[in-house]
């Protein structure tokens, strides 16, 4: 017997979309045991009344929240009310095509613990997006992949269209902020087999977009919350501490070089950069990335080689920016410090995604 599926759909002022959405879900899941759980945040446009009418013709359960609001918490409310063993989540604005639901189910029945409808795997896409929206999406994705390494298992962990087995998530442990409930569930839950299937993100045909600048702030808050709960905030702080020590080493060596050599100022920058690269690698290997070091397939010298490539690029950035500022008349120590900060950001990015992958 096939497992029951519960589709959770958060709504707020979606009167023009909710009926066609439910009808398309019903057609897509024909022959399956499923329920549609609509969690509405007290819409004033008639969404509630339409959903109530749909419940007489389709397997729809409607829950209206009068006090609490927000997409992520609406999904959690829906999970608590769900009867199915498999939980699906999708938006109400028809940007998530219900016709993709059978593909997600197929992946679940094939052994997946969680499956994401992805815009960024082959066959997926966002054809209607302008350049600004594409940049915002890619930057948000990059932030997730850098600061939350576990999210790298998925190319599109920020999608709102996904399915998972409810036994892999303890609802009480979920503490989302904002809209990115898929990221929360993926990182807080326990999922061994993670799968992505492609889908084309559709443009909204009716209603108003809920995208607001506050969502970007909420997303950053959510990322740092997850960093704290998954332990990645400690790694970031360790990397900063190592970076500070490298800065002191760099500036200390620079001081010695300026005291005992008559080299050109641009050349005087090089020894401090090189010594700080070596000390930073040793500290990061045995301190910041100790957990990855013990499980790494690379030898000590393999990791050193990869880090040197990362650090070499960072060193060139450090040296180039500092030299440029010195030639512009800025104090050599201040110029070097600015170069160090920018190189630090570069090094953290590529250390987390490559050197200690």
C-alpha atoms as a PDB file:
ATOM      1  CA  UNK A   1       0.000   0.000   0.000  1.00  0.00           C
ATOM      2  CA  UNK A   2       1.304   3.432  -0.944  1.00  0.00           C
ATOM      3  CA  UNK A   3       1.985   5.873   1.865  1.00  0.00           C
ATOM      4  CA  UNK A   4      -0.370   8.755   2.496  1.00  0.00           C
ATOM      5  CA  UNK A   5       0.784  12.193   1.376  1.00  0.00           C
ATOM      6  CA  UNK A   6      -0.025  15.471   3.135  1.00  0.00           C
ATOM      7  CA  UNK A   7       0.484  18.612   1.036  1.00  0.00           C
ATOM      8  CA  UNK A   8       0.888  21.750   3.151  1.00  0.00           C
ATOM      9  CA  UNK A   9       0.035  25.052   1.466  1.00  0.00           C
ATOM     10  CA  UNK A  10       0.460  28.299   3.458  1.00  0.00           C
ATOM     11  CA  UNK A  11      -1.828  31.068   2.201  1.00  0.00           C
ATOM     12  CA  UNK A  12      -2.360  34.766   2.664  1.00  0.00           C
ATOM     13  CA  UNK A  13      -4.595  36.689   0.254  1.00  0.00           C
ATOM     14  CA  UNK A  14      -4.489  34.109  -2.549  1.00  0.00           C
ATOM     15  CA  UNK A  15      -8.165  34.126  -3.599  1.00  0.00           C
ATOM     16  CA  UNK A  16      -7.360  34.016  -7.317  1.00  0.00           C
ATOM     17  CA  UNK A  17      -4.878  31.160  -7.037  1.00  0.00           C
ATOM     18  CA  UNK A  18      -6.190  28.762  -4.410  1.00  0.00           C
ATOM     19  CA  UNK A  19      -8.996  27.137  -6.450  1.00  0.00           C
ATOM     20  CA  UNK A  20      -6.940  26.402  -9.595  1.00  0.00           C
ATOM     21  CA  UNK A  21      -4.079  25.220  -7.383  1.00  0.00           C
ATOM     22  CA  UNK A  22      -6.236  22.712  -5.503  1.00  0.00           C
ATOM     23  CA  UNK A  23      -7.798  21.490  -8.745  1.00  0.00           C
ATOM     24  CA  UNK A  24      -4.376  20.967 -10.353  1.00  0.00           C
ATOM     25  CA  UNK A  25      -3.037  19.186  -7.264  1.00  0.00           C
ATOM     26  CA  UNK A  26      -6.070  16.889  -7.345  1.00  0.00           C
ATOM     27  CA  UNK A  27      -5.459  16.035 -11.003  1.00  0.00           C
ATOM     28  CA  UNK A  28      -1.715  15.533 -10.494  1.00  0.00           C
ATOM     29  CA  UNK A  29      -2.266  13.137  -7.580  1.00  0.00           C
ATOM     30  CA  UNK A  30      -5.193  11.239  -9.056  1.00  0.00           C
ATOM     31  CA  UNK A  31      -5.307   7.706  -7.649  1.00  0.00           C
ATOM     32  CA  UNK A  32      -3.169   8.592  -4.631  1.00  0.00           C
ATOM     33  CA  UNK A  33      -4.126   8.770  -0.966  1.00  0.00           C
ATOM     34  CA  UNK A  34      -3.511  12.412  -0.114  1.00  0.00           C
ATOM     35  CA  UNK A  35      -4.778  15.438   1.769  1.00  0.00           C
ATOM     36  CA  UNK A  36      -4.294  19.156   1.210  1.00  0.00           C
ATOM     37  CA  UNK A  37      -3.692  21.187   4.347  1.00  0.00           C
ATOM     38  CA  UNK A  38      -4.238  24.913   3.844  1.00  0.00           C
ATOM     39  CA  UNK A  39      -2.878  27.080   6.644  1.00  0.00           C
ATOM     40  CA  UNK A  40      -4.166  30.611   6.189  1.00  0.00           C
ATOM     41  CA  UNK A  41      -2.917  33.691   8.032  1.00  0.00           C
ATOM     42  CA  UNK A  42      -6.359  35.299   8.357  1.00  0.00           C
ATOM     43  CA  UNK A  43      -6.727  36.508   4.755  1.00  0.00           C
ATOM     44  CA  UNK A  44      -9.167  39.341   4.165  1.00  0.00           C
ATOM     45  CA  UNK A  45      -9.643  38.902   0.417  1.00  0.00           C
ATOM     46  CA  UNK A  46     -11.942  35.862   0.407  1.00  0.00           C
ATOM     47  CA  UNK A  47      -9.275  33.153   0.375  1.00  0.00           C
ATOM     48  CA  UNK A  48     -10.757  31.554   3.502  1.00  0.00           C
ATOM     49  CA  UNK A  49     -14.264  31.353   2.084  1.00  0.00           C
ATOM     50  CA  UNK A  50     -13.010  29.852  -1.181  1.00  0.00           C
ATOM     51  CA  UNK A  51     -10.932  27.281   0.708  1.00  0.00           C
ATOM     52  CA  UNK A  52     -13.951  26.333   2.802  1.00  0.00           C
ATOM     53  CA  UNK A  53     -15.926  25.728  -0.371  1.00  0.00           C
ATOM     54  CA  UNK A  54     -13.131  23.587  -1.827  1.00  0.00           C
ATOM     55  CA  UNK A  55     -13.162  21.374   1.269  1.00  0.00           C
ATOM     56  CA  UNK A  56     -16.605  20.086   0.278  1.00  0.00           C
ATOM     57  CA  UNK A  57     -15.283  18.754  -3.053  1.00  0.00           C
ATOM     58  CA  UNK A  58     -11.641  17.908  -2.400  1.00  0.00           C
ATOM     59  CA  UNK A  59      -9.634  16.411   0.496  1.00  0.00           C
ATOM     60  CA  UNK A  60      -8.878  19.867   1.877  1.00  0.00           C
ATOM     61  CA  UNK A  61      -8.362  20.719   5.536  1.00  0.00           C
ATOM     62  CA  UNK A  62      -8.398  24.428   6.355  1.00  0.00           C
ATOM     63  CA  UNK A  63      -6.738  25.981   9.397  1.00  0.00           C
ATOM     64  CA  UNK A  64      -6.961  29.734   9.950  1.00  0.00           C
ATOM     65  CA  UNK A  65      -4.450  31.426  12.254  1.00  0.00           C
ATOM     66  CA  UNK A  66      -5.797  34.621  13.774  1.00  0.00           C
ATOM     67  CA  UNK A  67      -2.751  35.642  15.786  1.00  0.00           C
ATOM     68  CA  UNK A  68       0.448  34.114  14.391  1.00  0.00           C
ATOM     69  CA  UNK A  69       1.700  34.931  10.882  1.00  0.00           C
ATOM     70  CA  UNK A  70       4.528  33.832   8.595  1.00  0.00           C
ATOM     71  CA  UNK A  71       5.109  31.168   5.961  1.00  0.00           C
ATOM     72  CA  UNK A  72       7.598  29.063   7.897  1.00  0.00           C
ATOM     73  CA  UNK A  73       5.536  28.851  11.065  1.00  0.00           C
ATOM     74  CA  UNK A  74       2.454  28.120   8.954  1.00  0.00           C
ATOM     75  CA  UNK A  75       4.262  25.076   7.548  1.00  0.00           C
ATOM     76  CA  UNK A  76       5.106  23.901  11.068  1.00  0.00           C
ATOM     77  CA  UNK A  77       1.453  24.305  12.036  1.00  0.00           C
ATOM     78  CA  UNK A  78       0.511  22.233   9.021  1.00  0.00           C
ATOM     79  CA  UNK A  79       2.968  19.458   9.901  1.00  0.00           C
ATOM     80  CA  UNK A  80       1.360  19.142  13.313  1.00  0.00           C
ATOM     81  CA  UNK A  81      -2.050  18.710  11.694  1.00  0.00           C
ATOM     82  CA  UNK A  82      -0.920  16.318   8.956  1.00  0.00           C
ATOM     83  CA  UNK A  83      -2.029  12.691   8.787  1.00  0.00           C
ATOM     84  CA  UNK A  84       0.416  11.561   6.098  1.00  0.00           C
ATOM     85  CA  UNK A  85       3.741   9.787   6.440  1.00  0.00           C
ATOM     86  CA  UNK A  86       5.117  11.909   3.607  1.00  0.00           C
ATOM     87  CA  UNK A  87       4.896  15.689   3.943  1.00  0.00           C
ATOM     88  CA  UNK A  88       4.921  17.951   0.909  1.00  0.00           C
ATOM     89  CA  UNK A  89       5.275  21.736   1.009  1.00  0.00           C
ATOM     90  CA  UNK A  90       4.522  24.189  -1.772  1.00  0.00           C
ATOM     91  CA  UNK A  91       3.492  27.821  -2.268  1.00  0.00           C
ATOM     92  CA  UNK A  92      -0.052  28.886  -3.095  1.00  0.00           C
ATOM     93  CA  UNK A  93       0.813  31.284  -5.921  1.00  0.00           C
ATOM     94  CA  UNK A  94       1.133  28.647  -8.693  1.00  0.00           C
ATOM     95  CA  UNK A  95       4.839  29.373  -9.093  1.00  0.00           C
ATOM     96  CA  UNK A  96       5.354  25.785  -7.935  1.00  0.00           C
ATOM     97  CA  UNK A  97       3.652  23.667 -10.642  1.00  0.00           C
ATOM     98  CA  UNK A  98       1.547  20.900  -9.050  1.00  0.00           C
ATOM     99  CA  UNK A  99       2.372  18.704 -12.048  1.00  0.00           C
ATOM    100  CA  UNK A 100       5.852  18.216 -10.525  1.00  0.00           C
ATOM    101  CA  UNK A 101       4.379  16.504  -7.445  1.00  0.00           C
ATOM    102  CA  UNK A 102       4.445  13.015  -9.028  1.00  0.00           C
ATOM    103  CA  UNK A 103       8.186  13.446  -9.709  1.00  0.00           C
ATOM    104  CA  UNK A 104       8.798  14.309  -6.067  1.00  0.00           C
ATOM    105  CA  UNK A 105       6.729  11.314  -4.966  1.00  0.00           C
ATOM    106  CA  UNK A 106       8.623   9.021  -7.306  1.00  0.00           C
ATOM    107  CA  UNK A 107      11.895  10.106  -5.704  1.00  0.00           C
ATOM    108  CA  UNK A 108      10.454   9.529  -2.231  1.00  0.00           C
ATOM    109  CA  UNK A 109       9.244   6.065  -3.170  1.00  0.00           C
ATOM    110  CA  UNK A 110      12.677   5.406  -4.640  1.00  0.00           C
ATOM    111  CA  UNK A 111      14.266   5.768  -1.218  1.00  0.00           C
ATOM    112  CA  UNK A 112      14.764   9.498  -0.677  1.00  0.00           C
ATOM    113  CA  UNK A 113      14.370  10.874   2.831  1.00  0.00           C
ATOM    114  CA  UNK A 114      13.859  14.374   1.483  1.00  0.00           C
ATOM    115  CA  UNK A 115      13.500  15.615  -2.088  1.00  0.00           C
ATOM    116  CA  UNK A 116      13.766  19.182  -3.347  1.00  0.00           C
ATOM    117  CA  UNK A 117      12.190  20.620  -6.478  1.00  0.00           C
ATOM    118  CA  UNK A 118      15.232  22.479  -7.759  1.00  0.00           C
ATOM    119  CA  UNK A 119      15.643  25.478 -10.002  1.00  0.00           C
ATOM    120  CA  UNK A 120      19.376  24.879 -10.302  1.00  0.00           C
ATOM    121  CA  UNK A 121      19.762  21.312 -11.542  1.00  0.00           C
ATOM    122  CA  UNK A 122      19.647  20.346 -15.199  1.00  0.00           C
ATOM    123  CA  UNK A 123      16.125  20.795 -16.470  1.00  0.00           C
ATOM    124  CA  UNK A 124      15.208  23.442 -13.892  1.00  0.00           C
ATOM    125  CA  UNK A 125      15.202  27.204 -14.174  1.00  0.00           C
ATOM    126  CA  UNK A 126      13.651  30.620 -13.574  1.00  0.00           C
ATOM    127  CA  UNK A 127      13.062  31.929 -17.111  1.00  0.00           C
ATOM    128  CA  UNK A 128      11.030  34.986 -16.073  1.00  0.00           C
ATOM    129  CA  UNK A 129      13.497  36.469 -13.600  1.00  0.00           C
ATOM    130  CA  UNK A 130      15.268  39.757 -14.235  1.00  0.00           C
ATOM    131  CA  UNK A 131      18.960  40.259 -13.474  1.00  0.00           C
ATOM    132  CA  UNK A 132      18.357  41.786 -10.028  1.00  0.00           C
ATOM    133  CA  UNK A 133      16.283  38.844  -8.832  1.00  0.00           C
ATOM    134  CA  UNK A 134      18.822  36.370 -10.195  1.00  0.00           C
ATOM    135  CA  UNK A 135      21.627  38.126  -8.334  1.00  0.00           C
ATOM    136  CA  UNK A 136      19.654  38.204  -5.069  1.00  0.00           C
ATOM    137  CA  UNK A 137      18.898  34.494  -5.379  1.00  0.00           C
ATOM    138  CA  UNK A 138      22.488  33.539  -6.168  1.00  0.00           C
ATOM    139  CA  UNK A 139      23.884  35.662  -3.334  1.00  0.00           C
ATOM    140  CA  UNK A 140      21.423  34.090  -0.868  1.00  0.00           C
ATOM    141  CA  UNK A 141      22.429  30.646  -2.114  1.00  0.00           C
ATOM    142  CA  UNK A 142      26.129  31.498  -1.796  1.00  0.00           C
ATOM    143  CA  UNK A 143      25.599  32.700   1.793  1.00  0.00           C
ATOM    144  CA  UNK A 144      23.931  29.405   2.665  1.00  0.00           C
ATOM    145  CA  UNK A 145      26.629  27.281   1.038  1.00  0.00           C
ATOM    146  CA  UNK A 146      29.476  29.209   2.678  1.00  0.00           C
ATOM    147  CA  UNK A 147      28.133  29.579   6.204  1.00  0.00           C
ATOM    148  CA  UNK A 148      26.126  26.332   6.375  1.00  0.00           C
ATOM    149  CA  UNK A 149      28.264  23.643   4.711  1.00  0.00           C
ATOM    150  CA  UNK A 150      25.628  20.931   5.213  1.00  0.00           C
ATOM    151  CA  UNK A 151      23.401  22.792   2.765  1.00  0.00           C
ATOM    152  CA  UNK A 152      25.898  22.096  -0.028  1.00  0.00           C
ATOM    153  CA  UNK A 153      24.391  18.665  -0.510  1.00  0.00           C
ATOM    154  CA  UNK A 154      21.644  20.492  -2.413  1.00  0.00           C
ATOM    155  CA  UNK A 155      22.029  22.986  -5.225  1.00  0.00           C
ATOM    156  CA  UNK A 156      18.747  24.679  -4.298  1.00  0.00           C
ATOM    157  CA  UNK A 157      18.233  24.392  -0.519  1.00  0.00           C
ATOM    158  CA  UNK A 158      16.189  27.608  -0.514  1.00  0.00           C
ATOM    159  CA  UNK A 159      13.343  26.248  -2.618  1.00  0.00           C
ATOM    160  CA  UNK A 160       9.937  26.247  -0.972  1.00  0.00           C
ATOM    161  CA  UNK A 161       8.826  23.181  -2.937  1.00  0.00           C
ATOM    162  CA  UNK A 162       9.860  19.871  -1.345  1.00  0.00           C
ATOM    163  CA  UNK A 163       8.822  16.605   0.333  1.00  0.00           C
ATOM    164  CA  UNK A 164      10.186  14.688   3.299  1.00  0.00           C
ATOM    165  CA  UNK A 165       9.369  11.866   5.689  1.00  0.00           C
ATOM    166  CA  UNK A 166       7.923  13.228   8.890  1.00  0.00           C
ATOM    167  CA  UNK A 167       9.779  10.720  11.104  1.00  0.00           C
ATOM    168  CA  UNK A 168      13.057  12.387  10.093  1.00  0.00           C
ATOM    169  CA  UNK A 169      12.093  15.691  11.706  1.00  0.00           C
ATOM    170  CA  UNK A 170      11.335  16.581  15.309  1.00  0.00           C
ATOM    171  CA  UNK A 171       8.873  19.449  14.950  1.00  0.00           C
ATOM    172  CA  UNK A 172       9.739  20.853  18.384  1.00  0.00           C
ATOM    173  CA  UNK A 173      13.312  21.453  17.193  1.00  0.00           C
ATOM    174  CA  UNK A 174      12.249  23.689  14.314  1.00  0.00           C
ATOM    175  CA  UNK A 175      12.823  27.400  14.949  1.00  0.00           C
ATOM    176  CA  UNK A 176      12.579  29.108  11.556  1.00  0.00           C
ATOM    177  CA  UNK A 177      12.777  32.829  10.895  1.00  0.00           C
ATOM    178  CA  UNK A 178      11.123  34.166   7.758  1.00  0.00           C
ATOM    179  CA  UNK A 179      10.362  32.085   4.678  1.00  0.00           C
ATOM    180  CA  UNK A 180      13.157  29.526   4.132  1.00  0.00           C
ATOM    181  CA  UNK A 181      11.530  26.569   5.852  1.00  0.00           C
ATOM    182  CA  UNK A 182      13.183  24.058   3.496  1.00  0.00           C
ATOM    183  CA  UNK A 183      16.634  25.089   4.730  1.00  0.00           C
ATOM    184  CA  UNK A 184      15.485  24.799   8.351  1.00  0.00           C
ATOM    185  CA  UNK A 185      14.006  21.330   7.903  1.00  0.00           C
ATOM    186  CA  UNK A 186      16.991  20.039   5.951  1.00  0.00           C
ATOM    187  CA  UNK A 187      19.570  21.133   8.529  1.00  0.00           C
ATOM    188  CA  UNK A 188      17.605  20.415  11.699  1.00  0.00           C
ATOM    189  CA  UNK A 189      16.206  17.089  10.499  1.00  0.00           C
ATOM    190  CA  UNK A 190      18.070  13.831   9.982  1.00  0.00           C
ATOM    191  CA  UNK A 191      18.265  13.001   6.279  1.00  0.00           C
ATOM    192  CA  UNK A 192      20.687  10.536   4.724  1.00  0.00           C
ATOM    193  CA  UNK A 193      19.319  10.289   1.195  1.00  0.00           C
ATOM    194  CA  UNK A 194      18.796  13.769  -0.242  1.00  0.00           C
ATOM    195  CA  UNK A 195      17.527  14.085  -3.821  1.00  0.00           C
ATOM    196  CA  UNK A 196      16.758  16.946  -6.196  1.00  0.00           C
ATOM    197  CA  UNK A 197      14.393  16.939  -9.171  1.00  0.00           C
ATOM    198  CA  UNK A 198      14.178  19.804 -11.666  1.00  0.00           C
ATOM    199  CA  UNK A 199      11.300  22.217 -12.042  1.00  0.00           C
ATOM    200  CA  UNK A 200      10.663  25.475 -13.853  1.00  0.00           C
ATOM    201  CA  UNK A 201       9.777  28.279 -11.452  1.00  0.00           C
ATOM    202  CA  UNK A 202       6.709  29.988 -12.899  1.00  0.00           C
ATOM    203  CA  UNK A 203       5.849  33.662 -12.801  1.00  0.00           C
ATOM    204  CA  UNK A 204       2.938  34.669 -10.576  1.00  0.00           C
ATOM    205  CA  UNK A 205      -0.187  35.076 -12.715  1.00  0.00           C
ATOM    206  CA  UNK A 206      -2.484  36.548 -10.038  1.00  0.00           C
ATOM    207  CA  UNK A 207      -2.206  38.232  -6.658  1.00  0.00           C
ATOM    208  CA  UNK A 208       0.700  40.220  -5.255  1.00  0.00           C
ATOM    209  CA  UNK A 209       4.192  39.014  -4.493  1.00  0.00           C
ATOM    210  CA  UNK A 210       5.078  38.681  -0.794  1.00  0.00           C
ATOM    211  CA  UNK A 211       8.754  39.446  -1.483  1.00  0.00           C
ATOM    212  CA  UNK A 212       9.871  42.341   0.732  1.00  0.00           C
ATOM    213  CA  UNK A 213      13.284  43.753   1.831  1.00  0.00           C
ATOM    214  CA  UNK A 214      12.546  42.538   5.370  1.00  0.00           C
ATOM    215  CA  UNK A 215      12.759  38.986   4.052  1.00  0.00           C
ATOM    216  CA  UNK A 216      16.449  39.471   3.242  1.00  0.00           C
ATOM    217  CA  UNK A 217      17.083  40.588   6.825  1.00  0.00           C
ATOM    218  CA  UNK A 218      15.059  37.667   8.183  1.00  0.00           C
ATOM    219  CA  UNK A 219      17.035  35.302   5.974  1.00  0.00           C
ATOM    220  CA  UNK A 220      20.355  36.486   7.410  1.00  0.00           C
ATOM    221  CA  UNK A 221      18.947  36.140  10.931  1.00  0.00           C
ATOM    222  CA  UNK A 222      17.835  32.624  10.065  1.00  0.00           C
ATOM    223  CA  UNK A 223      21.258  31.692   8.681  1.00  0.00           C
ATOM    224  CA  UNK A 224      23.009  32.872  11.850  1.00  0.00           C
ATOM    225  CA  UNK A 225      20.418  31.053  13.962  1.00  0.00           C
ATOM    226  CA  UNK A 226      21.164  27.844  12.078  1.00  0.00           C
ATOM    227  CA  UNK A 227      24.901  28.474  12.386  1.00  0.00           C
ATOM    228  CA  UNK A 228      24.488  28.687  16.144  1.00  0.00           C
ATOM    229  CA  UNK A 229      22.350  25.533  16.328  1.00  0.00           C
ATOM    230  CA  UNK A 230      24.555  23.460  14.002  1.00  0.00           C
ATOM    231  CA  UNK A 231      27.871  24.602  15.471  1.00  0.00           C
ATOM    232  CA  UNK A 232      29.055  26.465  12.366  1.00  0.00           C
ATOM    233  CA  UNK A 233      29.147  29.779  14.230  1.00  0.00           C
ATOM    234  CA  UNK A 234      31.980  28.347  16.316  1.00  0.00           C
ATOM    235  CA  UNK A 235      33.914  27.490  13.153  1.00  0.00           C
ATOM    236  CA  UNK A 236      33.416  30.995  11.790  1.00  0.00           C
ATOM    237  CA  UNK A 237      34.627  32.551  15.041  1.00  0.00           C
ATOM    238  CA  UNK A 238      37.628  30.217  15.065  1.00  0.00           C
ATOM    239  CA  UNK A 239      38.488  31.274  11.532  1.00  0.00           C
ATOM    240  CA  UNK A 240      38.250  34.907  12.597  1.00  0.00           C
ATOM    241  CA  UNK A 241      40.533  34.207  15.584  1.00  0.00           C
ATOM    242  CA  UNK A 242      43.050  32.532  13.299  1.00  0.00           C
ATOM    243  CA  UNK A 243      42.758  35.454  10.903  1.00  0.00           C
ATOM    244  CA  UNK A 244      43.491  37.884  13.720  1.00  0.00           C
ATOM    245  CA  UNK A 245      46.549  35.892  14.725  1.00  0.00           C
ATOM    246  CA  UNK A 246      47.651  35.879  11.083  1.00  0.00           C
ATOM    247  CA  UNK A 247      47.188  39.633  10.969  1.00  0.00           C
ATOM    248  CA  UNK A 248      49.440  40.049  14.002  1.00  0.00           C
ATOM    249  CA  UNK A 249      52.036  37.725  12.468  1.00  0.00           C
ATOM    250  CA  UNK A 250      51.821  39.579   9.159  1.00  0.00           C
ATOM    251  CA  UNK A 251      52.215  43.001  10.723  1.00  0.00           C
ATOM    252  CA  UNK A 252      54.945  41.765  13.084  1.00  0.00           C
ATOM    253  CA  UNK A 253      57.021  40.347  10.252  1.00  0.00           C
ATOM    254  CA  UNK A 254      56.420  43.521   8.254  1.00  0.00           C
ATOM    255  CA  UNK A 255      57.748  45.553  11.187  1.00  0.00           C
ATOM    256  CA  UNK A 256      60.923  43.456  11.334  1.00  0.00           C
ATOM    257  CA  UNK A 257      61.432  43.666   7.586  1.00  0.00           C
ATOM    258  CA  UNK A 258      61.051  47.466   7.575  1.00  0.00           C
ATOM    259  CA  UNK A 259      63.515  47.714  10.476  1.00  0.00           C
ATOM    260  CA  UNK A 260      66.275  45.514   9.038  1.00  0.00           C
ATOM    261  CA  UNK A 261      65.989  45.827   5.262  1.00  0.00           C
ATOM    262  CA  UNK A 262      66.086  48.620   2.782  1.00  0.00           C
ATOM    263  CA  UNK A 263      63.782  46.903   0.321  1.00  0.00           C
ATOM    264  CA  UNK A 264      61.147  48.766  -1.650  1.00  0.00           C
ATOM    265  CA  UNK A 265      57.920  49.153   0.309  1.00  0.00           C
ATOM    266  CA  UNK A 266      55.965  46.899  -2.042  1.00  0.00           C
ATOM    267  CA  UNK A 267      58.524  44.099  -1.630  1.00  0.00           C
ATOM    268  CA  UNK A 268      58.530  44.517   2.162  1.00  0.00           C
ATOM    269  CA  UNK A 269      54.922  43.323   2.206  1.00  0.00           C
ATOM    270  CA  UNK A 270      55.730  39.866   0.839  1.00  0.00           C
ATOM    271  CA  UNK A 271      57.496  38.086   3.799  1.00  0.00           C
ATOM    272  CA  UNK A 272      54.711  38.911   6.269  1.00  0.00           C
ATOM    273  CA  UNK A 273      52.084  37.575   3.900  1.00  0.00           C
ATOM    274  CA  UNK A 274      54.012  34.331   3.334  1.00  0.00           C
ATOM    275  CA  UNK A 275      54.669  33.627   7.018  1.00  0.00           C
ATOM    276  CA  UNK A 276      51.042  34.340   7.946  1.00  0.00           C
ATOM    277  CA  UNK A 277      49.857  31.881   5.265  1.00  0.00           C
ATOM    278  CA  UNK A 278      51.835  29.076   6.895  1.00  0.00           C
ATOM    279  CA  UNK A 279      50.726  29.851  10.450  1.00  0.00           C
ATOM    280  CA  UNK A 280      47.127  30.264   9.378  1.00  0.00           C
ATOM    281  CA  UNK A 281      47.117  26.888   7.657  1.00  0.00           C
ATOM    282  CA  UNK A 282      48.503  25.098  10.708  1.00  0.00           C
ATOM    283  CA  UNK A 283      46.005  26.713  13.058  1.00  0.00           C
ATOM    284  CA  UNK A 284      43.053  26.153  10.748  1.00  0.00           C
ATOM    285  CA  UNK A 285      44.014  22.543  10.078  1.00  0.00           C
ATOM    286  CA  UNK A 286      44.312  21.628  13.757  1.00  0.00           C
ATOM    287  CA  UNK A 287      41.794  24.055  15.199  1.00  0.00           C
ATOM    288  CA  UNK A 288      39.148  25.453  12.841  1.00  0.00           C
ATOM    289  CA  UNK A 289      38.663  22.461  10.535  1.00  0.00           C
ATOM    290  CA  UNK A 290      39.718  19.658  12.872  1.00  0.00           C
ATOM    291  CA  UNK A 291      36.506  17.717  12.196  1.00  0.00           C
ATOM    292  CA  UNK A 292      37.045  17.839   8.458  1.00  0.00           C
ATOM    293  CA  UNK A 293      40.739  17.090   8.798  1.00  0.00           C
ATOM    294  CA  UNK A 294      40.128  13.746  10.476  1.00  0.00           C
ATOM    295  CA  UNK A 295      37.576  12.713   7.857  1.00  0.00           C
ATOM    296  CA  UNK A 296      39.395  14.159   4.853  1.00  0.00           C
ATOM    297  CA  UNK A 297      40.607  11.903   2.041  1.00  0.00           C
ATOM    298  CA  UNK A 298      43.512  14.285   1.513  1.00  0.00           C
ATOM    299  CA  UNK A 299      46.793  13.980   3.363  1.00  0.00           C
ATOM    300  CA  UNK A 300      48.242  16.798   5.412  1.00  0.00           C
ATOM    301  CA  UNK A 301      50.304  17.885   2.427  1.00  0.00           C
ATOM    302  CA  UNK A 302      47.302  17.575   0.125  1.00  0.00           C
ATOM    303  CA  UNK A 303      45.351  19.979   2.293  1.00  0.00           C
ATOM    304  CA  UNK A 304      48.388  22.216   2.524  1.00  0.00           C
ATOM    305  CA  UNK A 305      48.682  22.291  -1.261  1.00  0.00           C
ATOM    306  CA  UNK A 306      45.011  23.237  -1.702  1.00  0.00           C
ATOM    307  CA  UNK A 307      45.190  25.869   1.004  1.00  0.00           C
ATOM    308  CA  UNK A 308      48.328  27.319  -0.547  1.00  0.00           C
ATOM    309  CA  UNK A 309      46.465  27.812  -3.810  1.00  0.00           C
ATOM    310  CA  UNK A 310      43.648  29.531  -1.937  1.00  0.00           C
ATOM    311  CA  UNK A 311      46.065  31.582   0.135  1.00  0.00           C
ATOM    312  CA  UNK A 312      48.215  32.454  -2.877  1.00  0.00           C
ATOM    313  CA  UNK A 313      45.224  34.060  -4.548  1.00  0.00           C
ATOM    314  CA  UNK A 314      44.382  35.742  -1.244  1.00  0.00           C
ATOM    315  CA  UNK A 315      47.967  36.883  -0.865  1.00  0.00           C
ATOM    316  CA  UNK A 316      47.936  38.400  -4.319  1.00  0.00           C
ATOM    317  CA  UNK A 317      44.721  40.184  -3.413  1.00  0.00           C
ATOM    318  CA  UNK A 318      46.284  41.329  -0.118  1.00  0.00           C
ATOM    319  CA  UNK A 319      49.493  42.502  -1.792  1.00  0.00           C
ATOM    320  CA  UNK A 320      47.777  44.075  -4.799  1.00  0.00           C
ATOM    321  CA  UNK A 321      45.314  46.106  -2.755  1.00  0.00           C
ATOM    322  CA  UNK A 322      47.933  47.153  -0.217  1.00  0.00           C
ATOM    323  CA  UNK A 323      50.419  48.135  -2.941  1.00  0.00           C
ATOM    324  CA  UNK A 324      47.736  50.077  -4.770  1.00  0.00           C
ATOM    325  CA  UNK A 325      46.849  51.998  -1.613  1.00  0.00           C
ATOM    326  CA  UNK A 326      50.511  52.635  -0.751  1.00  0.00           C
ATOM    327  CA  UNK A 327      51.138  54.023  -4.218  1.00  0.00           C
ATOM    328  CA  UNK A 328      48.083  56.217  -3.709  1.00  0.00           C
ATOM    329  CA  UNK A 329      49.763  57.720  -0.641  1.00  0.00           C
ATOM    330  CA  UNK A 330      48.116  55.761   2.188  1.00  0.00           C
ATOM    331  CA  UNK A 331      50.195  54.630   5.180  1.00  0.00           C
ATOM    332  CA  UNK A 332      51.818  51.231   4.522  1.00  0.00           C
ATOM    333  CA  UNK A 333      50.437  49.624   7.705  1.00  0.00           C
ATOM    334  CA  UNK A 334      46.867  50.815   7.079  1.00  0.00           C
ATOM    335  CA  UNK A 335      47.139  49.735   3.441  1.00  0.00           C
ATOM    336  CA  UNK A 336      48.312  46.286   4.490  1.00  0.00           C
ATOM    337  CA  UNK A 337      45.494  45.972   7.041  1.00  0.00           C
ATOM    338  CA  UNK A 338      42.824  46.735   4.418  1.00  0.00           C
ATOM    339  CA  UNK A 339      44.380  44.173   2.100  1.00  0.00           C
ATOM    340  CA  UNK A 340      44.366  41.607   4.920  1.00  0.00           C
ATOM    341  CA  UNK A 341      40.642  42.063   5.600  1.00  0.00           C
ATOM    342  CA  UNK A 342      39.660  41.603   1.967  1.00  0.00           C
ATOM    343  CA  UNK A 343      41.959  38.614   1.577  1.00  0.00           C
ATOM    344  CA  UNK A 344      40.451  37.115   4.757  1.00  0.00           C
ATOM    345  CA  UNK A 345      36.976  37.099   3.223  1.00  0.00           C
ATOM    346  CA  UNK A 346      38.339  35.436   0.103  1.00  0.00           C
ATOM    347  CA  UNK A 347      40.186  32.809   2.146  1.00  0.00           C
ATOM    348  CA  UNK A 348      37.156  31.891   4.237  1.00  0.00           C
ATOM    349  CA  UNK A 349      35.005  31.401   1.176  1.00  0.00           C
ATOM    350  CA  UNK A 350      37.398  29.053  -0.598  1.00  0.00           C
ATOM    351  CA  UNK A 351      38.642  27.336   2.550  1.00  0.00           C
ATOM    352  CA  UNK A 352      35.129  26.203   3.406  1.00  0.00           C
ATOM    353  CA  UNK A 353      34.075  25.161  -0.088  1.00  0.00           C
ATOM    354  CA  UNK A 354      37.353  23.676  -1.333  1.00  0.00           C
ATOM    355  CA  UNK A 355      40.455  23.427   0.881  1.00  0.00           C
ATOM    356  CA  UNK A 356      38.591  21.686   3.733  1.00  0.00           C
ATOM    357  CA  UNK A 357      35.569  20.554   1.735  1.00  0.00           C
END
